[in-house]
Amino acid sequence: MRHVRDEKHAKKMQEIYQQYRTAVVRHAYSMLQNRATAEDICQETFLRLDRDLHKIPPEKVKSWLFSVSGRLVLDYLRKMGRVEVSAETVEEKRQTCQDDRMEPERVLERMEQAGTYKRALEYLREEKPLWYQVVCMAYLEEKSNREIAEELGISSNLVSQWKRRASAWLRKVYEERENV
């Protein structure tokens, strides 16, 4: 009976691997800009999935993969002494979600907006580095307020407050720079 269960598990892992491998590598590469390390992160992510698959609901597998691979990238960056996540990384992640089949005029408009977003994020990093770090952890790494609070040694309420303030601040800076 165990053999049948092991075969089902192996088959399910193979299906998930085939479906998400490229996306996980791309996700890690967008933050690392290093193909070999991105492949290593992907491999470790799937090893952890193999161990924990029985605990993860099927509809949560994709988000679990991205969350774990993002954390592994951050762990790697911390070990390498590159703790901060750049505004370029946040922008690249945002751009990968865009539809490549847009009209040329719309693409140009998006590129101009992306430049403004990037400048606003860089300005946030310079002016409010803790807010910037919370924004990156929340939206790039997809960490919960509790996880961010534990990692930074602050309260969840403060994390929530900084996220709200950073969003309002970014909106204001973006609008000011759009009108220039």
C-alpha atoms as a PDB file:
ATOM      1  CA  MET A   1       0.000   0.000   0.000  1.00  0.00           C
ATOM      2  CA  ARG A   2       2.852   2.394   0.827  1.00  0.00           C
ATOM      3  CA  HIS A   3       4.344   1.803  -2.617  1.00  0.00           C
ATOM      4  CA  VAL A   4       1.109   3.032  -4.276  1.00  0.00           C
ATOM      5  CA  ARG A   5       1.105   6.142  -2.092  1.00  0.00           C
ATOM      6  CA  ASP A   6       4.775   6.810  -2.940  1.00  0.00           C
ATOM      7  CA  GLU A   7       4.000   6.482  -6.660  1.00  0.00           C
ATOM      8  CA  LYS A   8       1.095   8.941  -6.356  1.00  0.00           C
ATOM      9  CA  HIS A   9       3.315  11.377  -4.471  1.00  0.00           C
ATOM     10  CA  ALA A  10       6.089  11.068  -7.075  1.00  0.00           C
ATOM     11  CA  LYS A  11       3.616  11.561  -9.919  1.00  0.00           C
ATOM     12  CA  LYS A  12       2.100  14.643  -8.244  1.00  0.00           C
ATOM     13  CA  MET A  13       5.575  16.103  -7.613  1.00  0.00           C
ATOM     14  CA  GLN A  14       6.513  15.527 -11.259  1.00  0.00           C
ATOM     15  CA  GLU A  15       3.343  17.307 -12.434  1.00  0.00           C
ATOM     16  CA  ILE A  16       3.953  20.289 -10.151  1.00  0.00           C
ATOM     17  CA  TYR A  17       7.608  20.437 -11.138  1.00  0.00           C
ATOM     18  CA  GLN A  18       6.755  20.424 -14.843  1.00  0.00           C
ATOM     19  CA  GLN A  19       4.113  23.111 -14.343  1.00  0.00           C
ATOM     20  CA  TYR A  20       6.033  25.553 -12.119  1.00  0.00           C
ATOM     21  CA  ARG A  21       9.774  24.938 -12.497  1.00  0.00           C
ATOM     22  CA  THR A  22      10.346  27.655 -15.103  1.00  0.00           C
ATOM     23  CA  ALA A  23       8.285  30.196 -13.165  1.00  0.00           C
ATOM     24  CA  VAL A  24      10.177  29.506  -9.928  1.00  0.00           C
ATOM     25  CA  VAL A  25      13.549  29.857 -11.670  1.00  0.00           C
ATOM     26  CA  ARG A  26      12.397  33.079 -13.335  1.00  0.00           C
ATOM     27  CA  HIS A  27      11.143  34.413  -9.993  1.00  0.00           C
ATOM     28  CA  ALA A  28      14.486  33.712  -8.285  1.00  0.00           C
ATOM     29  CA  TYR A  29      16.476  35.007 -11.257  1.00  0.00           C
ATOM     30  CA  SER A  30      14.566  38.302 -11.271  1.00  0.00           C
ATOM     31  CA  MET A  31      15.879  38.982  -7.778  1.00  0.00           C
ATOM     32  CA  LEU A  32      19.364  37.480  -8.125  1.00  0.00           C
ATOM     33  CA  GLN A  33      20.386  38.106 -11.742  1.00  0.00           C
ATOM     34  CA  ASN A  34      22.348  34.844 -11.515  1.00  0.00           C
ATOM     35  CA  ARG A  35      21.042  31.831 -13.420  1.00  0.00           C
ATOM     36  CA  ALA A  36      23.030  29.139 -11.560  1.00  0.00           C
ATOM     37  CA  THR A  37      21.962  30.414  -8.142  1.00  0.00           C
ATOM     38  CA  ALA A  38      18.360  30.747  -9.330  1.00  0.00           C
ATOM     39  CA  GLU A  39      18.479  27.085 -10.414  1.00  0.00           C
ATOM     40  CA  ASP A  40      19.855  26.115  -6.982  1.00  0.00           C
ATOM     41  CA  ILE A  41      17.073  28.071  -5.265  1.00  0.00           C
ATOM     42  CA  CYS A  42      14.525  26.292  -7.463  1.00  0.00           C
ATOM     43  CA  GLN A  43      15.973  22.894  -6.585  1.00  0.00           C
ATOM     44  CA  GLU A  44      15.891  23.637  -2.847  1.00  0.00           C
ATOM     45  CA  THR A  45      12.324  24.941  -3.168  1.00  0.00           C
ATOM     46  CA  PHE A  46      11.153  21.699  -4.766  1.00  0.00           C
ATOM     47  CA  LEU A  47      13.043  19.594  -2.205  1.00  0.00           C
ATOM     48  CA  ARG A  48      11.120  21.387   0.512  1.00  0.00           C
ATOM     49  CA  LEU A  49       7.888  20.919  -1.398  1.00  0.00           C
ATOM     50  CA  ASP A  50       8.593  17.184  -1.656  1.00  0.00           C
ATOM     51  CA  ARG A  51       8.933  17.054   2.119  1.00  0.00           C
ATOM     52  CA  ASP A  52       5.829  19.185   2.849  1.00  0.00           C
ATOM     53  CA  LEU A  53       3.474  18.420  -0.054  1.00  0.00           C
ATOM     54  CA  HIS A  54       1.100  16.432   2.152  1.00  0.00           C
ATOM     55  CA  LYS A  55       0.529  19.572   4.294  1.00  0.00           C
ATOM     56  CA  ILE A  56      -0.199  21.986   1.422  1.00  0.00           C
ATOM     57  CA  PRO A  57      -3.677  22.290  -0.122  1.00  0.00           C
ATOM     58  CA  PRO A  58      -3.482  21.911  -3.935  1.00  0.00           C
ATOM     59  CA  GLU A  59      -4.810  25.445  -4.542  1.00  0.00           C
ATOM     60  CA  LYS A  60      -2.001  26.898  -2.388  1.00  0.00           C
ATOM     61  CA  VAL A  61       0.946  25.111  -4.046  1.00  0.00           C
ATOM     62  CA  LYS A  62       1.782  27.928  -6.473  1.00  0.00           C
ATOM     63  CA  SER A  63       1.818  30.660  -3.829  1.00  0.00           C
ATOM     64  CA  TRP A  64       3.756  28.344  -1.487  1.00  0.00           C
ATOM     65  CA  LEU A  65       6.440  27.841  -4.156  1.00  0.00           C
ATOM     66  CA  PHE A  66       6.847  31.573  -4.740  1.00  0.00           C
ATOM     67  CA  SER A  67       6.857  32.345  -1.043  1.00  0.00           C
ATOM     68  CA  VAL A  68       9.475  29.714  -0.212  1.00  0.00           C
ATOM     69  CA  SER A  69      11.688  30.557  -3.181  1.00  0.00           C
ATOM     70  CA  GLY A  70      11.495  34.264  -2.247  1.00  0.00           C
ATOM     71  CA  ARG A  71      12.571  33.482   1.301  1.00  0.00           C
ATOM     72  CA  LEU A  72      15.408  31.287   0.060  1.00  0.00           C
ATOM     73  CA  VAL A  73      16.606  34.130  -2.174  1.00  0.00           C
ATOM     74  CA  LEU A  74      16.542  36.505   0.777  1.00  0.00           C
ATOM     75  CA  ASP A  75      18.429  34.036   2.940  1.00  0.00           C
ATOM     76  CA  TYR A  76      21.022  33.726   0.191  1.00  0.00           C
ATOM     77  CA  LEU A  77      21.303  37.514  -0.161  1.00  0.00           C
ATOM     78  CA  ARG A  78      21.694  37.906   3.602  1.00  0.00           C
ATOM     79  CA  LYS A  79      24.473  35.332   3.651  1.00  0.00           C
ATOM     80  CA  MET A  80      26.194  37.155   0.808  1.00  0.00           C
ATOM     81  CA  GLY A  81      25.893  40.469   2.679  1.00  0.00           C
ATOM     82  CA  ARG A  82      23.410  41.955   0.215  1.00  0.00           C
ATOM     83  CA  VAL A  83      20.416  42.363   2.496  1.00  0.00           C
ATOM     84  CA  GLU A  84      18.624  45.217   0.758  1.00  0.00           C
ATOM     85  CA  VAL A  85      16.356  44.485  -2.167  1.00  0.00           C
ATOM     86  CA  SER A  86      16.736  47.073  -4.901  1.00  0.00           C
ATOM     87  CA  ALA A  87      14.019  49.194  -6.455  1.00  0.00           C
ATOM     88  CA  GLU A  88      14.979  47.586  -9.770  1.00  0.00           C
ATOM     89  CA  THR A  89      14.042  44.165  -8.382  1.00  0.00           C
ATOM     90  CA  VAL A  90      10.630  45.397  -7.279  1.00  0.00           C
ATOM     91  CA  GLU A  91      10.104  46.998 -10.693  1.00  0.00           C
ATOM     92  CA  GLU A  92      11.187  43.854 -12.562  1.00  0.00           C
ATOM     93  CA  LYS A  93       8.734  41.768 -10.568  1.00  0.00           C
ATOM     94  CA  ARG A  94       5.934  44.227 -11.378  1.00  0.00           C
ATOM     95  CA  GLN A  95       6.811  44.230 -15.072  1.00  0.00           C
ATOM     96  CA  THR A  96       6.843  40.421 -15.371  1.00  0.00           C
ATOM     97  CA  CYS A  97       3.159  40.465 -14.480  1.00  0.00           C
ATOM     98  CA  GLN A  98       2.271  42.717 -17.399  1.00  0.00           C
ATOM     99  CA  ASP A  99       0.709  41.487 -20.605  1.00  0.00           C
ATOM    100  CA  ASP A 100       3.288  41.599 -23.418  1.00  0.00           C
ATOM    101  CA  ARG A 101       0.615  41.807 -26.101  1.00  0.00           C
ATOM    102  CA  MET A 102      -0.360  45.443 -25.485  1.00  0.00           C
ATOM    103  CA  GLU A 103      -0.638  48.066 -28.158  1.00  0.00           C
ATOM    104  CA  PRO A 104       2.614  50.019 -28.816  1.00  0.00           C
ATOM    105  CA  GLU A 105       1.173  53.267 -27.418  1.00  0.00           C
ATOM    106  CA  ARG A 106       0.149  51.477 -24.227  1.00  0.00           C
ATOM    107  CA  VAL A 107       3.599  49.885 -23.913  1.00  0.00           C
ATOM    108  CA  LEU A 108       5.251  53.328 -24.140  1.00  0.00           C
ATOM    109  CA  GLU A 109       2.845  54.699 -21.557  1.00  0.00           C
ATOM    110  CA  ARG A 110       3.611  51.791 -19.224  1.00  0.00           C
ATOM    111  CA  MET A 111       7.351  52.316 -19.708  1.00  0.00           C
ATOM    112  CA  GLU A 112       7.016  55.974 -18.712  1.00  0.00           C
ATOM    113  CA  GLN A 113       4.936  54.972 -15.687  1.00  0.00           C
ATOM    114  CA  ALA A 114       7.497  52.316 -14.764  1.00  0.00           C
ATOM    115  CA  GLY A 115      10.234  54.929 -14.770  1.00  0.00           C
ATOM    116  CA  THR A 116       8.159  57.119 -12.455  1.00  0.00           C
ATOM    117  CA  TYR A 117       7.371  54.155 -10.171  1.00  0.00           C
ATOM    118  CA  LYS A 118      11.047  53.243 -10.058  1.00  0.00           C
ATOM    119  CA  ARG A 119      12.089  56.787  -9.160  1.00  0.00           C
ATOM    120  CA  ALA A 120       9.403  56.935  -6.451  1.00  0.00           C
ATOM    121  CA  LEU A 121      10.634  53.644  -4.958  1.00  0.00           C
ATOM    122  CA  GLU A 122      14.244  54.824  -5.067  1.00  0.00           C
ATOM    123  CA  TYR A 123      13.200  58.033  -3.345  1.00  0.00           C
ATOM    124  CA  LEU A 124      11.349  55.993  -0.682  1.00  0.00           C
ATOM    125  CA  ARG A 125      14.486  53.897  -0.141  1.00  0.00           C
ATOM    126  CA  GLU A 126      16.546  57.057   0.377  1.00  0.00           C
ATOM    127  CA  GLU A 127      14.050  58.972   2.523  1.00  0.00           C
ATOM    128  CA  LYS A 128      12.314  56.207   4.480  1.00  0.00           C
ATOM    129  CA  PRO A 129      14.524  53.084   4.416  1.00  0.00           C
ATOM    130  CA  LEU A 130      12.492  51.198   7.028  1.00  0.00           C
ATOM    131  CA  TRP A 131       9.245  51.793   5.148  1.00  0.00           C
ATOM    132  CA  TYR A 132      10.976  50.672   1.967  1.00  0.00           C
ATOM    133  CA  GLN A 133      12.163  47.488   3.658  1.00  0.00           C
ATOM    134  CA  VAL A 134       8.638  46.739   4.936  1.00  0.00           C
ATOM    135  CA  VAL A 135       7.149  47.362   1.478  1.00  0.00           C
ATOM    136  CA  CYS A 136       9.673  45.001  -0.130  1.00  0.00           C
ATOM    137  CA  MET A 137       9.089  42.305   2.464  1.00  0.00           C
ATOM    138  CA  ALA A 138       5.314  42.594   2.181  1.00  0.00           C
ATOM    139  CA  TYR A 139       4.885  42.840  -1.571  1.00  0.00           C
ATOM    140  CA  LEU A 140       8.002  41.293  -3.067  1.00  0.00           C
ATOM    141  CA  GLU A 141       8.595  38.537  -0.543  1.00  0.00           C
ATOM    142  CA  GLU A 142       4.873  38.192   0.207  1.00  0.00           C
ATOM    143  CA  LYS A 143       5.436  38.039   3.955  1.00  0.00           C
ATOM    144  CA  SER A 144       2.653  38.600   6.452  1.00  0.00           C
ATOM    145  CA  ASN A 145       2.688  41.503   8.900  1.00  0.00           C
ATOM    146  CA  ARG A 146       3.473  39.027  11.679  1.00  0.00           C
ATOM    147  CA  GLU A 147       6.456  37.575   9.796  1.00  0.00           C
ATOM    148  CA  ILE A 148       7.810  41.039   9.027  1.00  0.00           C
ATOM    149  CA  ALA A 149       7.330  42.128  12.632  1.00  0.00           C
ATOM    150  CA  GLU A 150       9.204  39.093  13.939  1.00  0.00           C
ATOM    151  CA  GLU A 151      12.060  39.566  11.504  1.00  0.00           C
ATOM    152  CA  LEU A 152      12.448  43.291  12.212  1.00  0.00           C
ATOM    153  CA  GLY A 153      11.741  43.057  15.930  1.00  0.00           C
ATOM    154  CA  ILE A 154       8.774  45.444  15.847  1.00  0.00           C
ATOM    155  CA  SER A 155       5.014  45.073  16.395  1.00  0.00           C
ATOM    156  CA  SER A 156       2.580  43.910  13.714  1.00  0.00           C
ATOM    157  CA  ASN A 157       0.637  47.136  14.234  1.00  0.00           C
ATOM    158  CA  LEU A 158       3.722  49.173  13.379  1.00  0.00           C
ATOM    159  CA  VAL A 159       4.282  47.083  10.239  1.00  0.00           C
ATOM    160  CA  SER A 160       0.690  47.738   9.163  1.00  0.00           C
ATOM    161  CA  GLN A 161       1.063  51.442   9.914  1.00  0.00           C
ATOM    162  CA  TRP A 162       4.317  51.700   7.910  1.00  0.00           C
ATOM    163  CA  LYS A 163       2.758  49.891   4.940  1.00  0.00           C
ATOM    164  CA  ARG A 164      -0.166  52.330   4.908  1.00  0.00           C
ATOM    165  CA  ARG A 165       2.094  55.347   5.286  1.00  0.00           C
ATOM    166  CA  ALA A 166       4.504  54.104   2.609  1.00  0.00           C
ATOM    167  CA  SER A 167       1.622  53.538   0.177  1.00  0.00           C
ATOM    168  CA  ALA A 168       0.258  57.029   0.791  1.00  0.00           C
ATOM    169  CA  TRP A 169       3.755  58.520   0.540  1.00  0.00           C
ATOM    170  CA  LEU A 170       4.473  56.687  -2.725  1.00  0.00           C
ATOM    171  CA  ARG A 171       1.115  57.757  -4.173  1.00  0.00           C
ATOM    172  CA  LYS A 172       1.854  61.386  -3.290  1.00  0.00           C
ATOM    173  CA  VAL A 173       5.388  61.297  -4.741  1.00  0.00           C
ATOM    174  CA  TYR A 174       4.143  59.540  -7.869  1.00  0.00           C
ATOM    175  CA  GLU A 175       1.400  62.114  -8.438  1.00  0.00           C
ATOM    176  CA  GLU A 176       3.798  65.017  -7.850  1.00  0.00           C
ATOM    177  CA  ARG A 177       6.302  63.626 -10.320  1.00  0.00           C
ATOM    178  CA  GLU A 178       3.603  62.822 -12.870  1.00  0.00           C
ATOM    179  CA  ASN A 179       2.498  66.461 -12.859  1.00  0.00           C
ATOM    180  CA  VAL A 180       6.035  67.811 -13.426  1.00  0.00           C
END
